[in-house]
């Protein structure tokens, strides 16, 4: 390793605790899943012939038991191994986002249809536009080979769908700026039953001998890119955009979530259980109109025991469409919500004796 890289590694390692605290405070949308790059020795080619270099952590049977912590983030910034390089999901469980990022990438240096210079011109142009809008945005040299990340932090979590729409509008002129394809936006387009895309954190690159550099926005300076301690200080001093400024550009908080059970609340459930994908009965009277009213003020999602399998979720979606009932999501896992509507709920009044009695008497 060159003396320059050793110096960079030393700076990032020394500031790892500060960076981990900053990331946890400003960037973590969810702690139950995150992105992790594999150590080089663990990378294998998949069926499509492409090298599998990253996974969603933790492993499936550990989810709900193991959570992202500051100590894990510290290991990322200390970056002793490629396998400690982490990324964060851009969307929370209730579809909010604490940041917007644009990835102007150059994966294949042999692809002559794109260039490092062209990518920089486009990324810098969007960075300038964000600055004009009043956003304290970071322009990052992500890999030292023509890949750039733009990052904007929000003072409060905002609606992921609205953030995505804003990002799409921002980069809609990509062809005019000389790019053949639109850059990736974080958060991505809403996808049901999926954790969404995740972005690698600043620091060591997962394959290249490179540490993140930050564009120097101080006027009249000779050093255009900040590295090491200077880059870290610029990251830590980044100001999240206030809700007032975000509202001026149509970026607003997400609606609170109402989570509704399916059987016995939406589906009348008169017939005996015949499998998660068998839904024989019509809706409870007035359900469609009631959910439409709720959706004027809340994000309405459905969660049910049927949702544990893709077959069950697909059956619910098909049934909802059949009866022209529109909801915001059908969730595989029970999401955080403002309120849960369930036909099998026992309200707790402060007395466990009353609760136990109610449980014994429930639906006798």
Protein backbone atom coordinates (compact mmCIF):
# COMPACT_ATOMS: atom_id res chain seq x y z
CA UNK A 1 0.00 0.00 0.00
CA UNK A 2 1.34 3.46 -0.90
CA UNK A 3 2.10 6.02 1.80
CA UNK A 4 -0.85 8.10 0.51
CA UNK A 5 -3.33 5.23 0.99
CA UNK A 6 -1.84 4.45 4.40
CA UNK A 7 -2.42 8.10 5.36
CA UNK A 8 -6.03 7.96 4.13
CA UNK A 9 -6.70 4.72 5.98
CA UNK A 10 -5.26 6.22 9.16
CA UNK A 11 -7.51 9.30 8.91
CA UNK A 12 -10.70 7.30 8.33
CA UNK A 13 -9.80 4.79 11.04
CA UNK A 14 -9.13 7.53 13.59
CA UNK A 15 -12.41 9.31 12.85
CA UNK A 16 -14.49 6.10 12.68
CA UNK A 17 -16.35 6.69 16.00
CA UNK A 18 -17.40 10.22 14.95
CA UNK A 19 -18.50 9.03 11.52
CA UNK A 20 -20.45 6.08 12.94
CA UNK A 21 -22.36 8.37 15.32
CA UNK A 22 -23.06 10.82 12.50
CA UNK A 23 -24.37 8.11 10.19
CA UNK A 24 -26.61 6.61 12.86
CA UNK A 25 -28.06 10.03 13.60
CA UNK A 26 -28.53 11.24 10.01
CA UNK A 27 -28.65 8.34 7.56
CA UNK A 28 -29.96 5.06 9.01
CA UNK A 29 -33.50 4.44 7.75
CA UNK A 30 -33.76 0.96 9.22
CA UNK A 31 -31.61 -1.21 11.45
CA UNK A 32 -33.13 -4.62 10.66
CA UNK A 33 -31.42 -4.93 7.26
CA UNK A 34 -28.42 -3.32 5.59
CA UNK A 35 -26.04 -3.92 2.72
CA UNK A 36 -22.69 -5.65 3.16
CA UNK A 37 -19.93 -6.32 0.67
CA UNK A 38 -18.29 -9.72 0.74
CA UNK A 39 -14.59 -10.18 1.31
CA UNK A 40 -12.82 -10.96 -1.98
CA UNK A 41 -12.29 -14.59 -1.00
CA UNK A 42 -16.07 -15.02 -0.55
CA UNK A 43 -17.11 -13.60 -3.92
CA UNK A 44 -18.42 -16.18 -6.38
CA UNK A 45 -20.04 -16.09 -9.79
CA UNK A 46 -23.79 -16.57 -9.90
CA UNK A 47 -25.81 -18.44 -12.49
CA UNK A 48 -25.74 -15.39 -14.76
CA UNK A 49 -21.94 -15.40 -14.74
CA UNK A 50 -21.70 -12.16 -12.81
CA UNK A 51 -19.58 -11.90 -9.68
CA UNK A 52 -21.68 -11.79 -6.52
CA UNK A 53 -19.93 -9.20 -4.38
CA UNK A 54 -22.64 -8.04 -1.96
CA UNK A 55 -25.49 -9.36 0.18
CA UNK A 56 -28.37 -8.06 2.26
CA UNK A 57 -27.43 -8.53 5.93
CA UNK A 58 -28.11 -10.10 8.32
CA UNK A 59 -28.81 -13.60 7.02
CA UNK A 60 -32.52 -14.35 6.68
CA UNK A 61 -32.83 -16.50 9.83
CA UNK A 62 -31.16 -13.74 11.89
CA UNK A 63 -33.52 -10.95 10.82
CA UNK A 64 -35.49 -9.57 13.70
CA UNK A 65 -32.77 -10.79 16.09
CA UNK A 66 -29.61 -9.02 14.87
CA UNK A 67 -29.65 -5.27 14.22
CA UNK A 68 -27.29 -2.65 12.78
CA UNK A 69 -25.34 -0.88 15.52
CA UNK A 70 -22.76 1.89 15.74
CA UNK A 71 -20.07 -0.72 16.33
CA UNK A 72 -20.80 -2.19 12.87
CA UNK A 73 -20.61 1.27 11.32
CA UNK A 74 -17.28 1.85 13.05
CA UNK A 75 -15.91 -1.32 11.46
CA UNK A 76 -16.97 0.02 8.06
CA UNK A 77 -15.04 3.26 8.52
CA UNK A 78 -12.02 1.46 9.95
CA UNK A 79 -12.19 -0.65 6.77
CA UNK A 80 -9.65 -3.30 7.60
CA UNK A 81 -11.27 -5.72 5.14
CA UNK A 82 -13.52 -5.46 2.09
CA UNK A 83 -16.04 -7.58 3.98
CA UNK A 84 -16.61 -4.78 6.51
CA UNK A 85 -17.76 -2.27 3.85
CA UNK A 86 -21.44 -1.50 4.42
CA UNK A 87 -24.36 0.19 2.71
CA UNK A 88 -27.65 1.60 4.00
CA UNK A 89 -31.14 1.00 2.67
CA UNK A 90 -32.76 4.15 1.37
CA UNK A 91 -36.29 3.43 2.61
CA UNK A 92 -37.65 2.67 6.07
CA UNK A 93 -40.28 0.04 6.82
CA UNK A 94 -42.97 2.73 6.67
CA UNK A 95 -41.67 4.12 3.36
CA UNK A 96 -39.87 7.20 4.61
CA UNK A 97 -36.37 8.36 3.71
CA UNK A 98 -33.87 10.49 5.57
CA UNK A 99 -31.82 11.30 2.49
CA UNK A 100 -31.69 11.46 -1.29
CA UNK A 101 -28.72 10.15 -3.28
CA UNK A 102 -27.86 10.05 -6.97
CA UNK A 103 -25.37 7.46 -8.22
CA UNK A 104 -23.58 8.48 -11.43
CA UNK A 105 -21.63 5.31 -11.97
CA UNK A 106 -18.88 3.99 -14.22
CA UNK A 107 -18.65 0.26 -13.55
CA UNK A 108 -16.92 -0.73 -16.77
CA UNK A 109 -13.89 1.37 -17.64
CA UNK A 110 -13.77 -0.37 -21.05
CA UNK A 111 -17.22 1.04 -21.92
CA UNK A 112 -16.31 4.01 -24.11
CA UNK A 113 -19.90 5.27 -24.31
CA UNK A 114 -19.33 6.89 -20.89
CA UNK A 115 -16.35 8.67 -19.41
CA UNK A 116 -15.16 9.91 -16.05
CA UNK A 117 -15.14 13.47 -17.38
CA UNK A 118 -18.67 13.22 -18.73
CA UNK A 119 -19.96 11.72 -15.49
CA UNK A 120 -18.36 14.51 -13.49
CA UNK A 121 -19.88 17.25 -15.66
CA UNK A 122 -23.36 15.79 -15.16
CA UNK A 123 -22.91 15.16 -11.43
CA UNK A 124 -21.45 18.62 -10.85
CA UNK A 125 -24.32 20.20 -12.77
CA UNK A 126 -26.89 18.47 -10.55
CA UNK A 127 -24.86 19.40 -7.47
CA UNK A 128 -24.99 23.05 -8.51
CA UNK A 129 -28.75 22.79 -9.05
CA UNK A 130 -29.24 21.38 -5.54
CA UNK A 131 -27.13 24.17 -4.10
CA UNK A 132 -29.31 26.72 -5.91
CA UNK A 133 -32.39 25.15 -4.32
CA UNK A 134 -30.90 25.72 -0.86
CA UNK A 135 -29.72 22.15 -0.22
CA UNK A 136 -26.36 21.55 1.46
CA UNK A 137 -25.46 18.67 -0.85
CA UNK A 138 -22.32 16.53 -0.95
CA UNK A 139 -20.66 15.65 -4.25
CA UNK A 140 -18.49 12.58 -3.66
CA UNK A 141 -15.86 10.95 -5.82
CA UNK A 142 -16.98 7.44 -4.95
CA UNK A 143 -14.41 5.22 -6.66
CA UNK A 144 -11.68 7.40 -8.16
CA UNK A 145 -12.47 6.06 -11.63
CA UNK A 146 -15.42 8.12 -12.82
CA UNK A 147 -18.14 7.20 -10.33
CA UNK A 148 -19.80 9.95 -8.33
CA UNK A 149 -22.43 10.10 -5.58
CA UNK A 150 -24.63 13.07 -4.71
CA UNK A 151 -26.09 13.07 -1.21
CA UNK A 152 -28.67 15.33 0.47
CA UNK A 153 -29.77 14.85 4.09
CA UNK A 154 -33.23 15.72 5.46
CA UNK A 155 -33.87 17.10 8.94
CA UNK A 156 -36.92 14.80 9.18
CA UNK A 157 -37.88 11.57 7.37
CA UNK A 158 -39.81 12.35 4.18
CA UNK A 159 -42.13 10.34 1.96
CA UNK A 160 -39.92 7.98 -0.05
CA UNK A 161 -42.20 8.12 -3.08
CA UNK A 162 -42.10 11.92 -3.14
CA UNK A 163 -38.31 11.93 -2.68
CA UNK A 164 -37.98 9.52 -5.61
CA UNK A 165 -40.18 11.74 -7.79
CA UNK A 166 -38.06 14.77 -6.90
CA UNK A 167 -34.84 12.89 -7.74
CA UNK A 168 -36.31 11.69 -11.04
CA UNK A 169 -37.22 15.24 -12.00
CA UNK A 170 -33.75 16.47 -11.02
CA UNK A 171 -31.96 14.02 -13.34
CA UNK A 172 -34.56 14.00 -16.14
CA UNK A 173 -32.16 16.05 -18.29
CA UNK A 174 -29.47 13.34 -18.19
CA UNK A 175 -29.35 13.06 -21.99
CA UNK A 176 -28.85 16.81 -22.39
CA UNK A 177 -26.02 16.54 -19.86
CA UNK A 178 -24.35 13.89 -22.06
CA UNK A 179 -25.30 10.64 -20.34
CA UNK A 180 -26.76 7.67 -22.22
CA UNK A 181 -28.73 6.37 -19.26
CA UNK A 182 -30.32 7.94 -16.20
CA UNK A 183 -28.37 7.55 -12.95
CA UNK A 184 -29.73 5.42 -10.13
CA UNK A 185 -31.86 7.24 -7.58
CA UNK A 186 -32.01 6.45 -3.87
CA UNK A 187 -34.71 5.88 -2.70
CA UNK A 188 -35.74 3.86 -5.73
CA UNK A 189 -39.17 3.35 -7.19
CA UNK A 190 -41.54 1.71 -4.72
CA UNK A 191 -41.42 -2.10 -4.95
CA UNK A 192 -43.79 -4.30 -2.96
CA UNK A 193 -42.33 -7.01 -0.73
CA UNK A 194 -38.78 -5.69 -1.08
CA UNK A 195 -36.39 -3.77 1.13
CA UNK A 196 -35.50 -1.32 -1.65
CA UNK A 197 -32.08 -0.29 -2.91
CA UNK A 198 -29.10 0.48 -0.71
CA UNK A 199 -26.15 2.83 -1.08
CA UNK A 200 -22.56 2.17 -0.06
CA UNK A 201 -21.39 4.45 2.73
CA UNK A 202 -18.46 6.86 2.21
CA UNK A 203 -15.02 5.55 3.07
CA UNK A 204 -12.99 2.74 1.53
CA UNK A 205 -14.17 1.42 -1.82
CA UNK A 206 -15.13 -2.26 -1.83
CA UNK A 207 -12.77 -3.21 -4.69
CA UNK A 208 -10.51 -0.26 -5.54
CA UNK A 209 -7.67 1.32 -3.55
CA UNK A 210 -9.67 4.47 -3.04
CA UNK A 211 -11.18 6.48 -0.20
CA UNK A 212 -14.07 8.87 -0.77
CA UNK A 213 -13.18 12.42 -1.75
CA UNK A 214 -15.57 15.38 -1.37
CA UNK A 215 -15.94 18.27 -3.80
CA UNK A 216 -14.66 21.48 -2.20
CA UNK A 217 -17.49 24.03 -2.29
CA UNK A 218 -15.41 26.83 -0.79
CA UNK A 219 -15.05 29.61 -3.43
CA UNK A 220 -11.66 30.55 -4.83
CA UNK A 221 -9.72 27.52 -3.64
CA UNK A 222 -7.06 25.61 -5.56
CA UNK A 223 -7.78 22.21 -4.00
CA UNK A 224 -10.94 21.03 -5.77
CA UNK A 225 -11.25 17.66 -3.99
CA UNK A 226 -11.01 17.17 -0.23
CA UNK A 227 -9.59 13.91 1.08
CA UNK A 228 -8.72 12.33 4.42
CA UNK A 229 -9.46 14.51 7.44
CA UNK A 230 -10.65 17.40 5.26
CA UNK A 231 -13.23 15.21 3.52
CA UNK A 232 -14.39 13.78 6.83
CA UNK A 233 -14.82 17.25 8.34
CA UNK A 234 -16.93 18.29 5.34
CA UNK A 235 -19.13 15.22 5.76
CA UNK A 236 -19.62 15.79 9.49
CA UNK A 237 -20.50 19.46 8.95
CA UNK A 238 -23.21 18.74 6.36
CA UNK A 239 -26.47 20.49 7.22
CA UNK A 240 -29.72 18.51 6.79
CA UNK A 241 -32.32 20.40 4.76
CA UNK A 242 -35.10 21.87 6.88
CA UNK A 243 -38.75 20.81 6.38
CA UNK A 244 -39.61 24.39 5.38
CA UNK A 245 -37.13 24.40 2.47
CA UNK A 246 -38.11 20.86 1.45
CA UNK A 247 -41.80 21.85 1.39
CA UNK A 248 -40.99 24.63 -1.08
CA UNK A 249 -39.94 21.89 -3.51
CA UNK A 250 -42.81 19.53 -2.82
CA UNK A 251 -40.93 17.17 -0.47
CA UNK A 252 -43.15 16.47 2.53
CA UNK A 253 -43.35 13.88 5.33
CA UNK A 254 -45.07 10.59 4.65
CA UNK A 255 -48.59 9.96 5.81
CA UNK A 256 -48.85 7.94 9.01
CA UNK A 257 -49.48 4.26 8.45
CA UNK A 258 -52.67 2.40 9.34
CA UNK A 259 -52.12 -1.37 9.20
CA UNK A 260 -55.28 -3.42 8.59
CA UNK A 261 -55.70 -7.16 8.99
CA UNK A 262 -57.29 -8.93 6.03
CA UNK A 263 -59.51 -11.82 7.12
CA UNK A 264 -62.49 -10.66 9.17
CA UNK A 265 -61.72 -6.97 8.60
CA UNK A 266 -61.58 -6.56 4.81
CA UNK A 267 -62.47 -10.07 3.63
CA UNK A 268 -65.74 -11.20 5.24
CA UNK A 269 -64.21 -14.65 5.91
CA UNK A 270 -67.47 -16.61 6.10
CA UNK A 271 -66.07 -19.80 4.58
CA UNK A 272 -63.66 -22.18 6.35
CA UNK A 273 -59.92 -21.72 5.82
CA UNK A 274 -58.78 -23.46 2.63
CA UNK A 275 -55.24 -22.14 2.18
CA UNK A 276 -53.50 -18.77 2.03
CA UNK A 277 -54.27 -18.31 -1.66
CA UNK A 278 -57.96 -19.25 -1.44
CA UNK A 279 -60.15 -16.19 -0.73
CA UNK A 280 -63.73 -17.18 -1.52
CA UNK A 281 -65.85 -14.50 0.16
CA UNK A 282 -66.70 -10.85 -0.70
CA UNK A 283 -65.58 -7.79 1.29
CA UNK A 284 -67.33 -6.66 4.44
CA UNK A 285 -69.96 -4.10 3.44
CA UNK A 286 -68.55 -0.58 3.05
CA UNK A 287 -64.90 -1.65 3.15
CA UNK A 288 -63.87 -0.06 -0.15
CA UNK A 289 -65.39 3.32 0.68
CA UNK A 290 -63.95 3.28 4.21
CA UNK A 291 -60.41 2.54 3.01
CA UNK A 292 -60.71 5.26 0.35
CA UNK A 293 -61.65 7.73 3.11
CA UNK A 294 -58.74 6.60 5.28
CA UNK A 295 -56.28 7.00 2.40
CA UNK A 296 -57.08 10.70 2.19
CA UNK A 297 -55.18 11.10 5.49
CA UNK A 298 -53.19 7.90 6.07
CA UNK A 299 -51.05 5.37 4.28
CA UNK A 300 -53.15 2.19 4.43
CA UNK A 301 -51.38 -1.18 4.29
CA UNK A 302 -52.61 -4.76 4.65
CA UNK A 303 -50.85 -7.41 6.70
CA UNK A 304 -52.17 -10.91 7.29
CA UNK A 305 -51.06 -14.43 8.12
CA UNK A 306 -51.57 -15.03 4.40
CA UNK A 307 -48.71 -12.63 3.69
CA UNK A 308 -46.05 -15.04 4.90
CA UNK A 309 -45.85 -16.49 1.37
CA UNK A 310 -45.64 -14.80 -2.00
CA UNK A 311 -48.60 -16.92 -3.12
CA UNK A 312 -50.73 -15.52 -0.31
CA UNK A 313 -49.70 -11.90 -0.96
CA UNK A 314 -50.44 -12.30 -4.67
CA UNK A 315 -53.87 -13.74 -3.85
CA UNK A 316 -54.70 -10.76 -1.62
CA UNK A 317 -53.57 -8.28 -4.30
CA UNK A 318 -55.63 -10.08 -6.93
CA UNK A 319 -58.69 -10.13 -4.65
CA UNK A 320 -58.36 -6.42 -3.82
CA UNK A 321 -58.18 -5.61 -7.52
CA UNK A 322 -61.24 -7.77 -8.21
CA UNK A 323 -63.29 -5.72 -5.74
CA UNK A 324 -61.72 -2.38 -6.73
CA UNK A 325 -60.21 -1.77 -3.29
CA UNK A 326 -56.99 0.25 -3.43
CA UNK A 327 -54.41 0.15 -0.64
CA UNK A 328 -50.83 1.44 -0.46
CA UNK A 329 -49.11 -1.88 0.18
CA UNK A 330 -49.59 -5.54 1.06
CA UNK A 331 -46.79 -6.23 3.54
CA UNK A 332 -44.82 -9.41 4.03
CA UNK A 333 -43.83 -8.33 7.56
CA UNK A 334 -45.96 -6.39 10.02
CA UNK A 335 -44.79 -2.79 9.61
CA UNK A 336 -44.48 0.00 12.19
CA UNK A 337 -47.84 1.78 12.17
CA UNK A 338 -49.77 4.59 13.79
CA UNK A 339 -52.58 2.12 14.52
CA UNK A 340 -53.44 -1.52 13.80
CA UNK A 341 -56.96 -2.64 12.87
CA UNK A 342 -57.47 -6.33 13.69
CA UNK A 343 -60.55 -8.43 14.32
CA UNK A 344 -58.63 -10.43 16.91
CA UNK A 345 -57.25 -7.60 19.04
CA UNK A 346 -57.56 -7.58 22.85
CA UNK A 347 -57.29 -4.02 24.21
CA UNK A 348 -55.10 -3.74 27.32
CA UNK A 349 -56.72 -1.53 29.99
CA UNK A 350 -53.97 -1.73 32.60
CA UNK A 351 -55.23 -4.90 34.31
CA UNK A 352 -53.67 -8.25 33.40
CA UNK A 353 -56.54 -10.03 35.17
CA UNK A 354 -59.01 -8.35 32.79
CA UNK A 355 -56.77 -9.10 29.81
CA UNK A 356 -56.48 -12.81 30.69
CA UNK A 357 -60.24 -13.04 31.21
CA UNK A 358 -60.83 -11.35 27.84
CA UNK A 359 -58.43 -13.78 26.15
CA UNK A 360 -60.27 -16.78 27.60
CA UNK A 361 -63.65 -15.36 26.62
CA UNK A 362 -62.59 -14.14 23.19
CA UNK A 363 -64.90 -15.57 20.49
CA UNK A 364 -66.25 -18.42 22.60
